[in-house]
Amino acid sequence: GYSFHNRNTVQYSFHPATVWCSTCSSIRLQVILCNFVRHLFLEDWSRDPIMLTVTLPDITFLMWLVCLLIMLLTTILVYLYYCGLWSSIMVSTSETEYGPLTMAYKTTVGLYKNTGKFFTEIFCLLPDREQLGIYYDDPEEVQASQLRCAVGSVLAKGDAKAVPEEMEKMTSNGFKIVHLPKPSYVVTATFPFSNIMPNVLAVFVAIYNVYPRLRNYTSQRNLCAYPTMEVYTDCGIIFLMPLSRHDEFIVPEFQKEQISMATTDLENYGGSLDAEV
């Protein structure tokens, strides 16, 4: 326990077993930490007590330390909440407003996590435009070195026309232009995300939260849905998996190659698409 000897002194006792505190640079800090652990676990260390004196400034330091730990924990929890760790994910089949699209894109083959540099380049060129990633292969079925995707910027959607200056800016930086159709229906899900203050952790949280749900949804309903598209908006990541016109979403660089679907085998379910849609 502890007791006040005067206005500025408090007396504490602790057990000799707390020798782990010997690495601390201050004897008073050792006592503070030992008693903090003692009160934290509510243990009885009354046997063979050693009496040391702790002044009120030391207690004030301990209070500051506890406050800093609480602030740190709160910051971490708020950051994880901002990253969408506890977001509710709902997968559904519906029509979509994303189509037809005019897209400026680059292609890459390899690990999908390496596409970040393309998104960064696109954001630097056209920060006010939505970004789009089209992923043609399932990482669980295709070797990492053979994963194909197209990453680009949405220059126009619906009846809108692309701005010539933006098209010229993108093509002069090595991007190509492609026009994508509007699918009748898509399997879709939305994950909260901010392009205003983007972070890599939120993207990984989205990937590991959304894709298992998309896979379960399509496999349980025997849907032929591919490729997978990720649209990055100001308020979220929209996942789209077309249920029709699949080949029209393949950019010219990959049109002659066999498509490995994101969730199902085309040979098994190709005949059931009309019935499902």
Protein backbone atom coordinates (compact mmCIF):
# COMPACT_ATOMS: atom_id res chain seq x y z
CA GLY A 1 0.00 0.00 0.00
CA TYR A 2 0.97 3.64 0.25
CA SER A 3 0.51 6.46 2.75
CA PHE A 4 1.12 10.21 2.85
CA HIS A 5 3.99 11.33 5.14
CA ASN A 6 3.59 14.96 4.20
CA ARG A 7 2.25 17.07 1.38
CA ASN A 8 5.00 16.13 -1.02
CA THR A 9 5.82 12.51 -0.18
CA VAL A 10 4.06 9.19 -0.73
CA GLN A 11 5.49 5.89 0.55
CA TYR A 12 5.27 2.74 -1.58
CA SER A 13 6.31 -0.87 -1.00
CA PHE A 14 7.22 -3.48 -3.60
CA HIS A 15 8.48 -7.06 -3.67
CA PRO A 16 12.14 -7.89 -4.44
CA ALA A 17 10.99 -10.10 -7.31
CA THR A 18 10.68 -6.98 -9.43
CA VAL A 19 14.34 -7.04 -10.33
CA TRP A 20 13.41 -6.71 -13.98
CA CYS A 21 13.18 -2.99 -13.33
CA SER A 22 16.93 -2.83 -12.72
CA THR A 23 17.53 -1.93 -16.32
CA CYS A 24 15.76 1.38 -15.81
CA SER A 25 17.95 4.44 -15.54
CA SER A 26 16.26 5.77 -12.41
CA ILE A 27 15.42 4.08 -9.09
CA ARG A 28 12.31 6.22 -8.80
CA LEU A 29 11.19 5.21 -12.28
CA GLN A 30 11.69 1.57 -11.24
CA VAL A 31 9.38 2.04 -8.29
CA ILE A 32 6.77 3.79 -10.43
CA LEU A 33 6.75 1.02 -13.01
CA CYS A 34 6.73 -1.73 -10.40
CA ASN A 35 3.79 -0.25 -8.55
CA PHE A 36 1.98 0.38 -11.83
CA VAL A 37 2.29 -3.32 -12.66
CA ARG A 38 1.30 -4.19 -9.11
CA HIS A 39 -1.94 -2.21 -9.25
CA LEU A 40 -2.59 -3.40 -12.79
CA PHE A 41 -2.63 -7.07 -11.81
CA LEU A 42 -3.92 -6.60 -8.23
CA GLU A 43 -1.27 -8.85 -6.73
CA ASP A 44 -0.41 -9.02 -3.04
CA TRP A 45 3.24 -8.23 -2.59
CA SER A 46 3.05 -7.72 1.14
CA ARG A 47 5.69 -10.36 1.85
CA ASP A 48 9.11 -8.88 2.67
CA PRO A 49 8.26 -5.38 1.53
CA ILE A 50 11.00 -2.90 0.78
CA MET A 51 10.05 0.69 1.56
CA LEU A 52 11.04 3.42 -0.83
CA THR A 53 9.85 6.97 -1.12
CA VAL A 54 8.19 8.39 -4.23
CA THR A 55 7.54 12.11 -4.45
CA LEU A 56 4.47 13.70 -5.95
CA PRO A 57 6.33 14.83 -9.10
CA ASP A 58 7.02 11.15 -9.79
CA ILE A 59 3.31 10.40 -9.52
CA THR A 60 2.64 13.27 -11.91
CA PHE A 61 5.12 11.72 -14.34
CA LEU A 62 3.30 8.40 -14.07
CA MET A 63 0.00 10.11 -14.83
CA TRP A 64 1.51 11.69 -17.91
CA LEU A 65 2.90 8.33 -18.96
CA VAL A 66 -0.53 6.70 -18.61
CA CYS A 67 -2.16 9.56 -20.52
CA LEU A 68 0.35 9.21 -23.35
CA LEU A 69 -0.30 5.47 -23.55
CA ILE A 70 -4.04 6.08 -23.67
CA MET A 71 -3.60 8.71 -26.40
CA LEU A 72 -1.39 6.35 -28.39
CA LEU A 73 -3.91 3.52 -28.12
CA THR A 74 -6.75 5.87 -29.09
CA THR A 75 -4.81 7.10 -32.12
CA ILE A 76 -4.15 3.55 -33.28
CA LEU A 77 -7.82 2.59 -32.90
CA VAL A 78 -8.99 5.70 -34.77
CA TYR A 79 -6.48 5.01 -37.56
CA LEU A 80 -7.65 1.41 -37.88
CA TYR A 81 -11.25 2.62 -37.97
CA TYR A 82 -10.31 5.11 -40.69
CA CYS A 83 -8.71 2.25 -42.62
CA GLY A 84 -12.05 0.44 -42.55
CA LEU A 85 -11.02 -2.47 -40.34
CA TRP A 86 -14.51 -2.71 -38.82
CA SER A 87 -16.46 -1.70 -41.90
CA SER A 88 -19.49 -3.73 -42.90
CA ILE A 89 -19.08 -5.24 -46.38
CA MET A 90 -22.18 -6.09 -48.41
CA VAL A 91 -21.91 -7.96 -51.71
CA SER A 92 -24.79 -7.78 -54.17
CA THR A 93 -25.78 -8.16 -57.82
CA SER A 94 -27.03 -4.98 -59.47
CA GLU A 95 -26.77 -2.62 -62.40
CA THR A 96 -23.93 -0.14 -62.41
CA GLU A 97 -23.32 3.43 -63.48
CA TYR A 98 -19.75 2.61 -64.46
CA GLY A 99 -20.08 2.24 -68.17
CA PRO A 100 -19.38 2.90 -70.82
CA LEU A 101 -15.94 4.16 -69.78
CA THR A 102 -13.04 5.88 -71.46
CA MET A 103 -9.85 4.85 -69.71
CA ALA A 104 -6.19 5.83 -70.04
CA TYR A 105 -4.18 2.82 -68.91
CA LYS A 106 -0.91 0.97 -68.64
CA THR A 107 -0.54 -2.80 -68.37
CA THR A 108 1.69 -4.83 -66.10
CA VAL A 109 2.40 -8.50 -65.49
CA GLY A 110 3.51 -9.70 -62.08
CA LEU A 111 2.57 -9.25 -58.46
CA TYR A 112 -0.52 -7.12 -58.05
CA LYS A 113 1.02 -5.31 -55.09
CA ASN A 114 3.53 -3.75 -57.51
CA THR A 115 0.80 -1.73 -59.21
CA GLY A 116 1.07 0.97 -56.57
CA LYS A 117 3.62 2.94 -58.58
CA PHE A 118 1.14 3.19 -61.47
CA PHE A 119 -1.61 4.51 -59.21
CA THR A 120 0.84 7.07 -57.84
CA GLU A 121 1.79 8.19 -61.35
CA ILE A 122 -1.86 8.49 -62.36
CA PHE A 123 -2.71 10.51 -59.27
CA CYS A 124 0.16 12.91 -60.00
CA LEU A 125 -1.02 13.42 -63.59
CA LEU A 126 -4.79 13.62 -63.00
CA PRO A 127 -5.50 13.97 -59.27
CA ASP A 128 -9.17 14.85 -59.81
CA ARG A 129 -10.02 11.75 -61.84
CA GLU A 130 -11.15 8.39 -60.52
CA GLN A 131 -8.63 5.58 -60.82
CA LEU A 132 -9.38 2.10 -62.14
CA GLY A 133 -7.60 -1.22 -61.85
CA ILE A 134 -8.66 -4.26 -63.92
CA TYR A 135 -7.37 -7.59 -62.65
CA TYR A 136 -7.60 -10.55 -65.00
CA ASP A 137 -6.12 -13.42 -62.99
CA ASP A 138 -6.79 -15.09 -59.67
CA PRO A 139 -3.64 -15.05 -57.48
CA GLU A 140 -4.71 -18.37 -55.96
CA GLU A 141 -4.70 -20.08 -59.36
CA VAL A 142 -2.05 -18.25 -61.40
CA GLN A 143 1.65 -17.86 -60.68
CA ALA A 144 2.59 -14.47 -59.29
CA SER A 145 4.88 -13.76 -62.25
CA GLN A 146 1.96 -14.22 -64.69
CA LEU A 147 -0.70 -12.07 -63.02
CA ARG A 148 -2.07 -9.55 -65.52
CA CYS A 149 -3.74 -6.23 -64.89
CA ALA A 150 -4.43 -2.85 -66.44
CA VAL A 151 -4.24 0.28 -64.30
CA GLY A 152 -5.46 3.66 -65.39
CA SER A 153 -7.56 6.77 -65.00
CA VAL A 154 -11.26 7.13 -65.85
CA LEU A 155 -11.34 9.99 -68.36
CA ALA A 156 -15.09 9.79 -69.00
CA LYS A 157 -18.08 7.63 -68.15
CA GLY A 158 -21.62 7.40 -69.44
CA ASP A 159 -22.46 9.94 -72.12
CA ALA A 160 -19.63 12.28 -71.12
CA LYS A 161 -16.74 12.86 -73.49
CA ALA A 162 -13.10 12.70 -72.52
CA VAL A 163 -11.27 16.04 -72.32
CA PRO A 164 -8.78 16.19 -75.24
CA GLU A 165 -6.12 17.88 -73.11
CA GLU A 166 -6.30 15.08 -70.53
CA MET A 167 -6.08 12.42 -73.24
CA GLU A 168 -3.04 14.11 -74.75
CA LYS A 169 -1.43 14.45 -71.31
CA MET A 170 -1.86 10.76 -70.56
CA THR A 171 -0.76 9.49 -73.97
CA SER A 172 2.35 11.68 -73.86
CA ASN A 173 3.28 9.88 -70.61
CA GLY A 174 3.00 6.42 -72.11
CA PHE A 175 -0.66 5.63 -71.41
CA LYS A 176 -3.02 4.11 -73.95
CA ILE A 177 -6.71 4.81 -74.45
CA VAL A 178 -9.42 2.16 -74.35
CA HIS A 179 -13.22 2.29 -74.36
CA LEU A 180 -14.98 -0.16 -72.04
CA PRO A 181 -18.67 -1.14 -72.31
CA LYS A 182 -21.38 -1.02 -69.69
CA PRO A 183 -22.24 -4.50 -68.41
CA SER A 184 -25.88 -5.38 -67.85
CA TYR A 185 -25.25 -6.52 -64.28
CA VAL A 186 -22.27 -6.77 -61.98
CA VAL A 187 -21.36 -8.37 -58.68
CA THR A 188 -20.37 -5.39 -56.58
CA ALA A 189 -19.18 -4.32 -53.14
CA THR A 190 -18.00 -1.01 -51.68
CA PHE A 191 -15.24 -0.35 -49.15
CA PRO A 192 -14.74 3.08 -47.50
CA PHE A 193 -11.60 4.81 -48.68
CA SER A 194 -10.39 8.38 -49.13
CA ASN A 195 -8.34 9.65 -52.06
CA ILE A 196 -7.88 12.87 -50.11
CA MET A 197 -5.67 11.11 -47.56
CA PRO A 198 -4.99 7.64 -49.02
CA ASN A 199 -2.93 5.04 -47.20
CA VAL A 200 -1.55 1.66 -48.15
CA LEU A 201 -2.94 -0.08 -45.08
CA ALA A 202 -6.53 0.77 -46.08
CA VAL A 203 -5.97 -0.83 -49.48
CA PHE A 204 -4.67 -4.06 -47.94
CA VAL A 205 -7.55 -4.11 -45.44
CA ALA A 206 -9.97 -3.73 -48.36
CA ILE A 207 -8.34 -6.54 -50.32
CA TYR A 208 -8.38 -9.01 -47.44
CA ASN A 209 -11.91 -8.09 -46.38
CA VAL A 210 -13.70 -7.84 -49.72
CA TYR A 211 -12.23 -10.51 -51.98
CA PRO A 212 -13.12 -13.52 -49.79
CA ARG A 213 -16.71 -12.26 -49.71
CA LEU A 214 -16.78 -11.80 -53.48
CA ARG A 215 -15.41 -15.30 -53.99
CA ASN A 216 -17.96 -16.86 -51.64
CA TYR A 217 -20.82 -14.90 -53.20
CA THR A 218 -20.04 -15.93 -56.78
CA SER A 219 -19.20 -19.56 -55.99
CA GLN A 220 -22.37 -20.12 -53.94
CA ARG A 221 -24.50 -18.79 -56.82
CA ASN A 222 -22.48 -20.35 -59.65
CA LEU A 223 -21.91 -16.95 -61.24
CA CYS A 224 -19.44 -16.34 -64.03
CA ALA A 225 -18.09 -12.94 -62.98
CA TYR A 226 -14.80 -11.55 -64.30
CA PRO A 227 -12.56 -9.66 -64.61
CA THR A 228 -12.37 -7.85 -61.28
CA MET A 229 -12.35 -4.05 -61.42
CA GLU A 230 -11.48 -1.67 -58.59
CA VAL A 231 -12.67 1.91 -58.94
CA TYR A 232 -11.04 4.37 -56.53
CA THR A 233 -13.33 7.31 -55.78
CA ASP A 234 -13.15 10.13 -53.24
CA CYS A 235 -15.21 8.18 -50.71
CA GLY A 236 -14.55 4.51 -51.35
CA ILE A 237 -13.28 1.61 -53.42
CA ILE A 238 -15.99 0.13 -55.63
CA PHE A 239 -15.42 -3.49 -56.63
CA LEU A 240 -17.11 -4.56 -59.87
CA MET A 241 -17.23 -8.00 -61.50
CA PRO A 242 -19.16 -7.97 -64.81
CA LEU A 243 -21.65 -10.77 -65.45
CA SER A 244 -21.71 -10.15 -69.20
CA ARG A 245 -19.56 -8.90 -72.09
CA HIS A 246 -16.47 -10.26 -70.36
CA ASP A 247 -14.18 -10.24 -73.39
CA GLU A 248 -14.87 -6.55 -74.02
CA PHE A 249 -13.12 -5.65 -70.77
CA ILE A 250 -9.86 -7.18 -71.92
CA VAL A 251 -7.38 -4.56 -73.11
CA PRO A 252 -5.74 -5.26 -76.50
CA GLU A 253 -2.44 -6.37 -74.93
CA PHE A 254 -4.17 -9.35 -73.30
CA GLN A 255 -6.89 -10.18 -75.79
CA LYS A 256 -5.06 -13.09 -77.38
CA GLU A 257 -4.21 -14.69 -74.05
CA GLN A 258 -6.40 -17.08 -72.12
CA ILE A 259 -8.25 -15.34 -69.27
CA SER A 260 -8.04 -16.90 -65.82
CA MET A 261 -11.21 -15.85 -64.04
CA ALA A 262 -11.17 -14.25 -60.62
CA THR A 263 -13.63 -16.60 -58.93
CA THR A 264 -14.99 -19.28 -61.27
CA ASP A 265 -14.02 -21.54 -64.15
CA LEU A 266 -15.49 -20.30 -67.44
CA GLU A 267 -15.62 -23.79 -68.90
CA ASN A 268 -17.84 -25.00 -66.05
CA TYR A 269 -20.24 -22.09 -65.92
CA GLY A 270 -20.21 -20.57 -69.39
CA GLY A 271 -23.49 -22.21 -70.29
CA SER A 272 -25.28 -20.96 -67.18
CA LEU A 273 -24.62 -17.21 -67.64
CA ASP A 274 -27.86 -16.44 -69.50
CA ALA A 275 -29.95 -18.25 -66.90
CA GLU A 276 -28.26 -16.45 -63.98
CA VAL A 277 -28.51 -12.98 -65.51
